[in-house]
Amino acid sequence: MLNRIALYGAVLGIFTMILGSSIQVVARYVFFSPPVWTEELVRYAMVWAGMLGASCAYWAGADPSLFPGMRQPGGIKGKLWATIRVVGTLLFVSPVIYYSVIGLNGKMSFGFLGRSLARTAETLDVTMIWVTAAVPIGCVLVAFHAIAGLCGHVFGDPDDTRTQSNI
């Protein structure tokens, strides 16, 4: 369910990028007066599409891998490799999630999100937290997908739908 929501969000981000870019191109080359807000809209949509799309790619097993054959073994060896993969993933996303909320001085107001509350976008006049929230949300989704995938791999998930086309 979370993957489906993230996938719809990523697709919405892509469509927003296409729409914003199209408006920019038409306004620039047809009317010779491009709006300044389209560049920001496309940039922020790209952040959301990238973070949500990365979590979907991780869940589907379409993320880049140096050793794709390591996902195939079953038994104890497969469970060990799955565990190592999840531990590596969690070691990567945990600091991002932590420092998104807590700053280096230990205060929430100096975390990545807290600092974004006081900043606004130049042309869209929205608080930057609406953009920067994509980073920890994407990382939380990756962590959740990693843990869920490990549970499915270790305990066996006969209803694993990650490779089916209905995601």
Protein backbone atom coordinates (compact mmCIF):
# COMPACT_ATOMS: atom_id res chain seq x y z
CA MET A 1 0.00 0.00 0.00
CA LEU A 2 2.78 2.45 0.90
CA ASN A 3 4.61 1.54 -2.27
CA ARG A 4 1.54 2.28 -4.35
CA ILE A 5 1.13 5.70 -2.71
CA ALA A 6 4.83 6.45 -3.26
CA LEU A 7 4.55 5.32 -6.88
CA TYR A 8 1.56 7.58 -7.49
CA GLY A 9 3.45 10.45 -5.85
CA ALA A 10 6.49 9.82 -8.06
CA VAL A 11 4.32 9.72 -11.18
CA LEU A 12 2.59 12.92 -10.10
CA GLY A 13 6.04 14.49 -9.68
CA ILE A 14 7.02 13.40 -13.19
CA PHE A 15 3.79 14.80 -14.67
CA THR A 16 4.35 18.05 -12.78
CA MET A 17 7.85 18.22 -14.23
CA ILE A 18 6.52 17.64 -17.75
CA LEU A 19 3.76 20.22 -17.33
CA GLY A 20 6.06 22.83 -15.81
CA SER A 21 8.71 22.29 -18.49
CA SER A 22 6.10 22.48 -21.24
CA ILE A 23 4.73 25.76 -19.90
CA GLN A 24 8.30 27.09 -19.70
CA VAL A 25 9.15 26.09 -23.28
CA VAL A 26 5.94 27.44 -24.80
CA ALA A 27 6.16 30.69 -22.84
CA ARG A 28 9.82 31.16 -23.72
CA TYR A 29 9.81 30.33 -27.43
CA VAL A 30 6.27 31.27 -28.41
CA PHE A 31 5.46 34.24 -26.18
CA PHE A 32 9.07 35.29 -25.42
CA SER A 33 8.10 35.82 -21.78
CA PRO A 34 8.83 32.79 -19.60
CA PRO A 35 7.38 32.71 -16.08
CA VAL A 36 10.01 32.44 -13.37
CA TRP A 37 8.04 30.07 -11.14
CA THR A 38 8.10 27.11 -13.55
CA GLU A 39 11.80 26.40 -13.00
CA GLU A 40 11.31 26.16 -9.24
CA LEU A 41 8.20 24.03 -9.63
CA VAL A 42 10.04 21.59 -11.90
CA ARG A 43 13.04 21.46 -9.55
CA TYR A 44 10.91 20.72 -6.48
CA ALA A 45 8.81 18.16 -8.34
CA MET A 46 12.05 16.47 -9.37
CA VAL A 47 13.12 16.15 -5.73
CA TRP A 48 9.81 14.53 -4.77
CA ALA A 49 9.74 12.27 -7.83
CA GLY A 50 13.33 11.20 -7.20
CA MET A 51 12.91 10.38 -3.53
CA LEU A 52 9.58 8.60 -3.91
CA GLY A 53 10.78 6.84 -7.06
CA ALA A 54 13.94 5.67 -5.30
CA SER A 55 11.88 4.01 -2.57
CA CYS A 56 9.73 2.28 -5.22
CA ALA A 57 12.84 1.13 -7.07
CA TYR A 58 14.28 -0.28 -3.85
CA TRP A 59 11.10 -2.22 -3.14
CA ALA A 60 10.93 -3.58 -6.69
CA GLY A 61 14.60 -4.60 -6.61
CA ALA A 62 15.34 -2.23 -9.49
CA ASP A 63 17.91 -0.23 -7.53
CA PRO A 64 21.53 -0.35 -8.74
CA SER A 65 23.44 -3.31 -7.39
CA LEU A 66 27.07 -4.34 -7.78
CA PHE A 67 26.20 -7.99 -7.25
CA PRO A 68 22.63 -8.65 -8.45
CA GLY A 69 23.17 -12.40 -8.20
CA MET A 70 23.39 -12.09 -4.43
CA ARG A 71 19.64 -11.53 -4.26
CA GLN A 72 18.94 -14.95 -5.72
CA PRO A 73 20.34 -17.50 -3.27
CA GLY A 74 17.92 -19.16 -0.91
CA GLY A 75 18.39 -20.90 2.40
CA ILE A 76 20.70 -19.63 5.11
CA LYS A 77 23.06 -17.98 2.61
CA GLY A 78 20.18 -16.00 1.08
CA LYS A 79 18.93 -14.91 4.48
CA LEU A 80 22.42 -13.80 5.46
CA TRP A 81 22.87 -11.75 2.25
CA ALA A 82 19.41 -10.20 2.69
CA THR A 83 20.28 -9.25 6.26
CA ILE A 84 23.61 -7.70 5.22
CA ARG A 85 21.85 -5.73 2.48
CA VAL A 86 19.25 -4.38 4.90
CA VAL A 87 21.88 -3.49 7.52
CA GLY A 88 23.80 -1.55 4.86
CA THR A 89 20.65 0.21 3.75
CA LEU A 90 19.71 1.15 7.31
CA LEU A 91 23.25 2.39 7.99
CA PHE A 92 22.84 4.70 5.00
CA VAL A 93 19.34 6.08 5.68
CA SER A 94 19.47 6.28 9.49
CA PRO A 95 21.77 9.34 9.71
CA VAL A 96 19.75 11.09 7.01
CA ILE A 97 16.53 10.52 8.95
CA TYR A 98 18.12 11.45 12.28
CA TYR A 99 19.74 14.68 11.07
CA SER A 100 16.59 15.63 9.22
CA VAL A 101 14.94 15.99 12.60
CA ILE A 102 17.81 16.63 15.04
CA GLY A 103 20.59 19.11 14.36
CA LEU A 104 24.28 18.71 15.16
CA ASN A 105 23.71 20.55 18.43
CA GLY A 106 20.98 18.09 19.46
CA LYS A 107 18.08 20.51 18.94
CA MET A 108 15.17 19.94 16.60
CA SER A 109 15.19 23.54 15.44
CA PHE A 110 18.61 23.00 13.85
CA GLY A 111 17.73 19.81 12.01
CA PHE A 112 17.38 19.78 8.24
CA LEU A 113 13.61 20.20 8.49
CA GLY A 114 13.77 22.77 11.27
CA ARG A 115 16.10 24.99 9.28
CA SER A 116 13.76 24.72 6.30
CA LEU A 117 10.82 26.12 8.26
CA ALA A 118 12.30 29.61 8.25
CA ARG A 119 13.14 29.63 4.52
CA THR A 120 10.76 30.27 1.65
CA ALA A 121 11.08 29.57 -2.04
CA GLU A 122 12.03 32.58 -4.15
CA THR A 123 9.18 32.57 -6.64
CA LEU A 124 6.56 30.12 -5.36
CA ASP A 125 6.31 31.73 -1.91
CA VAL A 126 6.02 28.43 -0.05
CA THR A 127 7.95 27.27 2.98
CA MET A 128 10.91 25.13 1.96
CA ILE A 129 9.88 22.36 4.33
CA TRP A 130 7.40 21.23 1.66
CA VAL A 131 10.39 20.48 -0.54
CA THR A 132 12.94 19.27 2.00
CA ALA A 133 10.43 16.90 3.61
CA ALA A 134 10.84 14.67 0.55
CA VAL A 135 14.30 13.59 1.72
CA PRO A 136 13.40 12.08 5.11
CA ILE A 137 10.08 10.75 3.79
CA GLY A 138 11.90 8.96 0.97
CA CYS A 139 14.49 7.58 3.39
CA VAL A 140 11.82 6.39 5.82
CA LEU A 141 10.07 4.61 2.95
CA VAL A 142 13.35 2.97 1.89
CA ALA A 143 13.95 1.84 5.50
CA PHE A 144 10.42 0.48 5.75
CA HIS A 145 10.75 -1.31 2.42
CA ALA A 146 14.11 -2.76 3.51
CA ILE A 147 12.70 -4.14 6.75
CA ALA A 148 9.55 -5.45 5.06
CA GLY A 149 11.63 -7.09 2.33
CA LEU A 150 13.88 -8.72 4.92
CA CYS A 151 10.88 -10.05 6.81
CA GLY A 152 9.46 -11.43 3.57
CA HIS A 153 12.80 -13.01 2.67
CA VAL A 154 13.49 -14.50 6.09
CA PHE A 155 10.00 -15.66 6.98
CA GLY A 156 8.89 -16.41 3.44
CA ASP A 157 6.26 -14.31 1.74
CA PRO A 158 4.12 -16.29 -0.70
CA ASP A 159 2.20 -13.12 -1.61
CA ASP A 160 5.26 -11.13 -2.62
CA THR A 161 3.99 -8.74 -5.29
CA ARG A 162 7.18 -6.82 -5.90
CA THR A 163 7.81 -8.36 -9.32
CA GLN A 164 4.20 -8.27 -10.46
CA SER A 165 3.06 -5.55 -12.78
CA ASN A 166 0.24 -4.34 -10.52
CA ILE A 167 2.39 -2.22 -8.21
